[in-house]
Amino acid sequence: MDLAPADRLNLLRFVCSFVWTDLKVTQQERDLVMRIVGAMHLDDAEAKQVAGWLRVPPSPEDVDPTQVPRRHRELFLRAAELAVQADGRVVPAERETLALFRDLLGD
């Protein structure tokens, strides 16, 4: 799926928020995020912004699932699932957050 620059950043903002769910970002999670950055061909300024979200999580008000365009919901959900699975363990808080995200993206 070809995403506009704003949508790419929004996707990475959500992914970063999910890697912060358990309050720490592992190397595996960092690696996943940076692979997505590379796959989406983010420019240097965008990659720098994403790197900032790996140091400090995005603001909760900046990750509103109701603002995800319907045509991108499946992609955002899959990216969130990858984020919570990246470190090889899914803690209850990640399961709950993912379930809530799934519900909020539903029709």
N, C-alpha and C. Protein backbone atom coordinates (compact mmCIF):
# COMPACT_ATOMS: atom_id res chain seq x y z
N MET A 1 0.86 -1.18 0.00
CA MET A 1 0.00 0.00 0.00
C MET A 1 0.89 1.23 0.00
N ASP A 2 0.58 2.16 -0.86
CA ASP A 2 1.34 3.39 -0.96
C ASP A 2 0.70 4.45 -0.06
N LEU A 3 1.43 4.86 0.96
CA LEU A 3 0.90 5.83 1.91
C LEU A 3 1.49 7.21 1.65
N ALA A 4 0.68 8.22 1.87
CA ALA A 4 1.15 9.60 1.80
C ALA A 4 2.13 9.83 2.96
N PRO A 5 3.02 10.81 2.85
CA PRO A 5 3.98 11.07 3.93
C PRO A 5 3.34 11.23 5.31
N ALA A 6 2.25 11.94 5.41
CA ALA A 6 1.59 12.13 6.71
C ALA A 6 1.07 10.80 7.25
N ASP A 7 0.56 9.94 6.37
CA ASP A 7 0.06 8.63 6.79
C ASP A 7 1.19 7.71 7.23
N ARG A 8 2.34 7.80 6.55
CA ARG A 8 3.51 7.00 6.96
C ARG A 8 3.94 7.38 8.37
N LEU A 9 4.03 8.68 8.62
CA LEU A 9 4.41 9.14 9.96
C LEU A 9 3.38 8.74 10.99
N ASN A 10 2.12 8.82 10.63
CA ASN A 10 1.07 8.43 11.56
C ASN A 10 1.18 6.94 11.90
N LEU A 11 1.44 6.11 10.90
CA LEU A 11 1.63 4.68 11.15
C LEU A 11 2.79 4.44 12.11
N LEU A 12 3.91 5.11 11.87
CA LEU A 12 5.07 4.92 12.75
C LEU A 12 4.80 5.48 14.14
N ARG A 13 4.01 6.52 14.23
CA ARG A 13 3.63 7.07 15.55
C ARG A 13 2.87 6.00 16.34
N PHE A 14 1.95 5.32 15.68
CA PHE A 14 1.20 4.25 16.33
C PHE A 14 2.12 3.09 16.71
N VAL A 15 2.98 2.68 15.80
CA VAL A 15 3.91 1.59 16.09
C VAL A 15 4.76 1.93 17.30
N CYS A 16 5.29 3.15 17.33
CA CYS A 16 6.11 3.56 18.47
C CYS A 16 5.30 3.58 19.76
N SER A 17 4.06 4.00 19.68
CA SER A 17 3.25 4.00 20.90
C SER A 17 3.04 2.57 21.40
N PHE A 18 2.92 1.61 20.49
CA PHE A 18 2.75 0.22 20.90
C PHE A 18 4.03 -0.36 21.49
N VAL A 19 5.20 0.01 20.97
CA VAL A 19 6.42 -0.54 21.56
C VAL A 19 6.65 0.01 22.96
N TRP A 20 6.02 1.12 23.29
CA TRP A 20 6.13 1.72 24.63
C TRP A 20 5.10 1.17 25.61
N THR A 21 4.19 0.31 25.19
CA THR A 21 3.10 -0.15 26.05
C THR A 21 3.60 -0.73 27.36
N ASP A 22 4.70 -1.48 27.32
CA ASP A 22 5.23 -2.07 28.56
C ASP A 22 6.28 -1.17 29.22
N LEU A 23 6.35 0.07 28.77
CA LEU A 23 7.19 1.13 29.36
C LEU A 23 8.68 0.97 29.10
N LYS A 24 9.06 0.09 28.18
CA LYS A 24 10.46 0.01 27.77
C LYS A 24 10.50 -0.43 26.32
N VAL A 25 11.54 0.04 25.63
CA VAL A 25 11.71 -0.28 24.22
C VAL A 25 12.95 -1.18 24.10
N THR A 26 12.73 -2.40 23.63
CA THR A 26 13.84 -3.35 23.48
C THR A 26 14.55 -3.13 22.15
N GLN A 27 15.72 -3.73 22.02
CA GLN A 27 16.46 -3.64 20.76
C GLN A 27 15.67 -4.27 19.62
N GLN A 28 14.98 -5.38 19.89
CA GLN A 28 14.17 -6.01 18.84
C GLN A 28 13.07 -5.06 18.36
N GLU A 29 12.48 -4.32 19.29
CA GLU A 29 11.43 -3.37 18.91
C GLU A 29 12.03 -2.21 18.10
N ARG A 30 13.19 -1.72 18.53
CA ARG A 30 13.87 -0.66 17.77
C ARG A 30 14.18 -1.14 16.35
N ASP A 31 14.68 -2.37 16.26
CA ASP A 31 15.01 -2.93 14.95
C ASP A 31 13.77 -3.00 14.05
N LEU A 32 12.65 -3.46 14.61
CA LEU A 32 11.41 -3.52 13.82
C LEU A 32 11.03 -2.13 13.32
N VAL A 33 11.03 -1.16 14.21
CA VAL A 33 10.64 0.20 13.82
C VAL A 33 11.55 0.70 12.71
N MET A 34 12.84 0.49 12.83
CA MET A 34 13.76 1.00 11.83
C MET A 34 13.63 0.23 10.50
N ARG A 35 13.26 -1.05 10.56
CA ARG A 35 12.98 -1.78 9.32
C ARG A 35 11.77 -1.18 8.61
N ILE A 36 10.75 -0.81 9.39
CA ILE A 36 9.57 -0.18 8.79
C ILE A 36 9.95 1.18 8.20
N VAL A 37 10.77 1.94 8.92
CA VAL A 37 11.25 3.24 8.40
C VAL A 37 11.91 3.03 7.04
N GLY A 38 12.80 2.03 6.96
CA GLY A 38 13.49 1.75 5.70
C GLY A 38 12.54 1.29 4.60
N ALA A 39 11.61 0.41 4.96
CA ALA A 39 10.66 -0.10 3.96
C ALA A 39 9.75 0.98 3.42
N MET A 40 9.48 1.98 4.25
CA MET A 40 8.59 3.06 3.83
C MET A 40 9.35 4.24 3.22
N HIS A 41 10.66 4.11 3.16
CA HIS A 41 11.51 5.12 2.52
C HIS A 41 11.31 6.51 3.12
N LEU A 42 11.29 6.57 4.45
CA LEU A 42 11.16 7.86 5.11
C LEU A 42 12.42 8.67 4.86
N ASP A 43 12.27 9.97 4.73
CA ASP A 43 13.44 10.82 4.55
C ASP A 43 14.13 11.04 5.90
N ASP A 44 15.26 11.72 5.90
CA ASP A 44 16.05 11.88 7.12
C ASP A 44 15.28 12.58 8.23
N ALA A 45 14.54 13.62 7.88
CA ALA A 45 13.78 14.36 8.89
C ALA A 45 12.70 13.47 9.52
N GLU A 46 12.02 12.68 8.69
CA GLU A 46 10.99 11.78 9.19
C GLU A 46 11.61 10.70 10.07
N ALA A 47 12.73 10.13 9.62
CA ALA A 47 13.42 9.09 10.40
C ALA A 47 13.88 9.64 11.75
N LYS A 48 14.32 10.89 11.76
CA LYS A 48 14.75 11.52 13.01
C LYS A 48 13.56 11.68 13.96
N GLN A 49 12.42 12.04 13.42
CA GLN A 49 11.21 12.16 14.24
C GLN A 49 10.83 10.81 14.85
N VAL A 50 10.90 9.76 14.06
CA VAL A 50 10.59 8.42 14.55
C VAL A 50 11.59 8.02 15.63
N ALA A 51 12.86 8.30 15.41
CA ALA A 51 13.88 7.99 16.42
C ALA A 51 13.58 8.70 17.73
N GLY A 52 13.03 9.89 17.65
CA GLY A 52 12.62 10.62 18.85
C GLY A 52 11.51 9.89 19.60
N TRP A 53 10.59 9.28 18.86
CA TRP A 53 9.50 8.52 19.50
C TRP A 53 10.02 7.24 20.14
N LEU A 54 11.18 6.78 19.73
CA LEU A 54 11.78 5.62 20.39
C LEU A 54 12.47 6.02 21.69
N ARG A 55 12.80 7.32 21.82
CA ARG A 55 13.39 7.83 23.07
C ARG A 55 12.31 8.27 24.05
N VAL A 56 11.26 8.91 23.52
CA VAL A 56 10.15 9.42 24.31
C VAL A 56 8.87 9.06 23.56
N PRO A 57 7.92 8.39 24.21
CA PRO A 57 6.73 7.95 23.47
C PRO A 57 5.92 9.12 22.93
N PRO A 58 5.22 8.88 21.82
CA PRO A 58 4.32 9.92 21.29
C PRO A 58 3.24 10.25 22.32
N SER A 59 2.75 11.47 22.27
CA SER A 59 1.67 11.88 23.17
C SER A 59 0.42 11.05 22.89
N PRO A 60 -0.29 10.64 23.94
CA PRO A 60 -1.52 9.85 23.73
C PRO A 60 -2.52 10.55 22.81
N GLU A 61 -2.61 11.86 22.89
CA GLU A 61 -3.58 12.57 22.03
C GLU A 61 -3.16 12.56 20.56
N ASP A 62 -1.92 12.17 20.28
CA ASP A 62 -1.45 12.09 18.90
C ASP A 62 -1.65 10.71 18.28
N VAL A 63 -2.19 9.78 19.04
CA VAL A 63 -2.43 8.43 18.53
C VAL A 63 -3.90 8.06 18.73
N ASP A 64 -4.73 8.75 18.00
CA ASP A 64 -6.18 8.56 18.09
C ASP A 64 -6.63 7.57 17.02
N PRO A 65 -7.00 6.36 17.41
CA PRO A 65 -7.40 5.35 16.42
C PRO A 65 -8.59 5.78 15.55
N THR A 66 -9.42 6.66 16.05
CA THR A 66 -10.58 7.08 15.25
C THR A 66 -10.15 7.95 14.07
N GLN A 67 -8.90 8.41 14.08
CA GLN A 67 -8.40 9.23 12.98
C GLN A 67 -7.67 8.42 11.90
N VAL A 68 -7.58 7.11 12.09
CA VAL A 68 -6.95 6.25 11.09
C VAL A 68 -7.94 6.07 9.95
N PRO A 69 -7.56 6.44 8.73
CA PRO A 69 -8.48 6.26 7.60
C PRO A 69 -8.90 4.79 7.46
N ARG A 70 -10.13 4.57 7.14
CA ARG A 70 -10.69 3.22 7.01
C ARG A 70 -9.82 2.35 6.10
N ARG A 71 -9.34 2.91 5.00
CA ARG A 71 -8.57 2.12 4.04
C ARG A 71 -7.21 1.69 4.58
N HIS A 72 -6.78 2.30 5.69
CA HIS A 72 -5.47 1.96 6.28
C HIS A 72 -5.58 1.14 7.56
N ARG A 73 -6.78 0.87 8.01
CA ARG A 73 -6.97 0.24 9.32
C ARG A 73 -6.31 -1.13 9.42
N GLU A 74 -6.44 -1.96 8.39
CA GLU A 74 -5.84 -3.28 8.45
C GLU A 74 -4.31 -3.18 8.54
N LEU A 75 -3.72 -2.28 7.79
CA LEU A 75 -2.28 -2.08 7.82
C LEU A 75 -1.82 -1.60 9.21
N PHE A 76 -2.54 -0.65 9.79
CA PHE A 76 -2.18 -0.13 11.11
C PHE A 76 -2.31 -1.23 12.17
N LEU A 77 -3.36 -2.03 12.07
CA LEU A 77 -3.55 -3.12 13.03
C LEU A 77 -2.43 -4.15 12.91
N ARG A 78 -2.08 -4.52 11.69
CA ARG A 78 -1.00 -5.49 11.49
C ARG A 78 0.32 -4.95 12.02
N ALA A 79 0.59 -3.68 11.79
CA ALA A 79 1.83 -3.06 12.30
C ALA A 79 1.83 -3.06 13.82
N ALA A 80 0.71 -2.79 14.44
CA ALA A 80 0.61 -2.81 15.91
C ALA A 80 0.85 -4.22 16.43
N GLU A 81 0.30 -5.22 15.76
CA GLU A 81 0.52 -6.61 16.16
C GLU A 81 2.00 -6.97 16.09
N LEU A 82 2.66 -6.57 15.02
CA LEU A 82 4.10 -6.82 14.88
C LEU A 82 4.88 -6.13 15.99
N ALA A 83 4.46 -4.92 16.34
CA ALA A 83 5.16 -4.17 17.39
C ALA A 83 5.09 -4.87 18.74
N VAL A 84 3.92 -5.36 19.10
CA VAL A 84 3.81 -6.00 20.42
C VAL A 84 4.47 -7.38 20.45
N GLN A 85 4.68 -7.98 19.30
CA GLN A 85 5.31 -9.30 19.23
C GLN A 85 6.82 -9.21 19.00
N ALA A 86 7.34 -8.05 18.72
CA ALA A 86 8.72 -7.88 18.29
C ALA A 86 9.75 -8.41 19.27
N ASP A 87 9.49 -8.27 20.56
CA ASP A 87 10.49 -8.71 21.55
C ASP A 87 10.30 -10.16 21.98
N GLY A 88 9.36 -10.86 21.34
CA GLY A 88 9.18 -12.28 21.62
C GLY A 88 8.26 -12.58 22.79
N ARG A 89 7.71 -11.56 23.42
CA ARG A 89 6.75 -11.80 24.51
C ARG A 89 5.69 -10.72 24.47
N VAL A 90 4.47 -11.13 24.76
CA VAL A 90 3.34 -10.20 24.78
C VAL A 90 2.80 -10.19 26.20
N VAL A 91 2.99 -9.06 26.88
CA VAL A 91 2.53 -8.94 28.27
C VAL A 91 1.06 -8.55 28.28
N PRO A 92 0.38 -8.76 29.40
CA PRO A 92 -1.06 -8.45 29.46
C PRO A 92 -1.40 -7.02 29.01
N ALA A 93 -0.60 -6.04 29.38
CA ALA A 93 -0.89 -4.66 28.98
C ALA A 93 -0.87 -4.51 27.46
N GLU A 94 0.05 -5.22 26.80
CA GLU A 94 0.12 -5.16 25.34
C GLU A 94 -1.10 -5.84 24.72
N ARG A 95 -1.49 -6.99 25.28
CA ARG A 95 -2.68 -7.69 24.78
C ARG A 95 -3.92 -6.81 24.91
N GLU A 96 -4.06 -6.17 26.07
CA GLU A 96 -5.23 -5.32 26.32
C GLU A 96 -5.23 -4.09 25.40
N THR A 97 -4.08 -3.47 25.24
CA THR A 97 -3.99 -2.29 24.38
C THR A 97 -4.28 -2.65 22.93
N LEU A 98 -3.77 -3.78 22.49
CA LEU A 98 -4.02 -4.24 21.13
C LEU A 98 -5.50 -4.55 20.93
N ALA A 99 -6.13 -5.19 21.90
CA ALA A 99 -7.57 -5.49 21.80
C ALA A 99 -8.39 -4.21 21.73
N LEU A 100 -8.03 -3.23 22.55
CA LEU A 100 -8.73 -1.94 22.52
C LEU A 100 -8.55 -1.27 21.17
N PHE A 101 -7.33 -1.28 20.66
CA PHE A 101 -7.04 -0.69 19.35
C PHE A 101 -7.88 -1.36 18.28
N ARG A 102 -7.92 -2.69 18.31
CA ARG A 102 -8.72 -3.46 17.35
C ARG A 102 -10.19 -3.05 17.43
N ASP A 103 -10.70 -2.93 18.65
CA ASP A 103 -12.11 -2.53 18.84
C ASP A 103 -12.37 -1.12 18.31
N LEU A 104 -11.45 -0.21 18.60
CA LEU A 104 -11.63 1.18 18.16
C LEU A 104 -11.52 1.33 16.65
N LEU A 105 -10.76 0.45 16.01
CA LEU A 105 -10.65 0.49 14.55
C LEU A 105 -11.84 -0.16 13.86
N GLY A 106 -12.58 -0.98 14.61
CA GLY A 106 -13.73 -1.69 14.03
C GLY A 106 -14.77 -0.75 13.50
N ASP A 107 -15.65 -1.32 12.72
CA ASP A 107 -16.70 -0.48 12.09
C ASP A 107 -17.80 -0.12 13.03
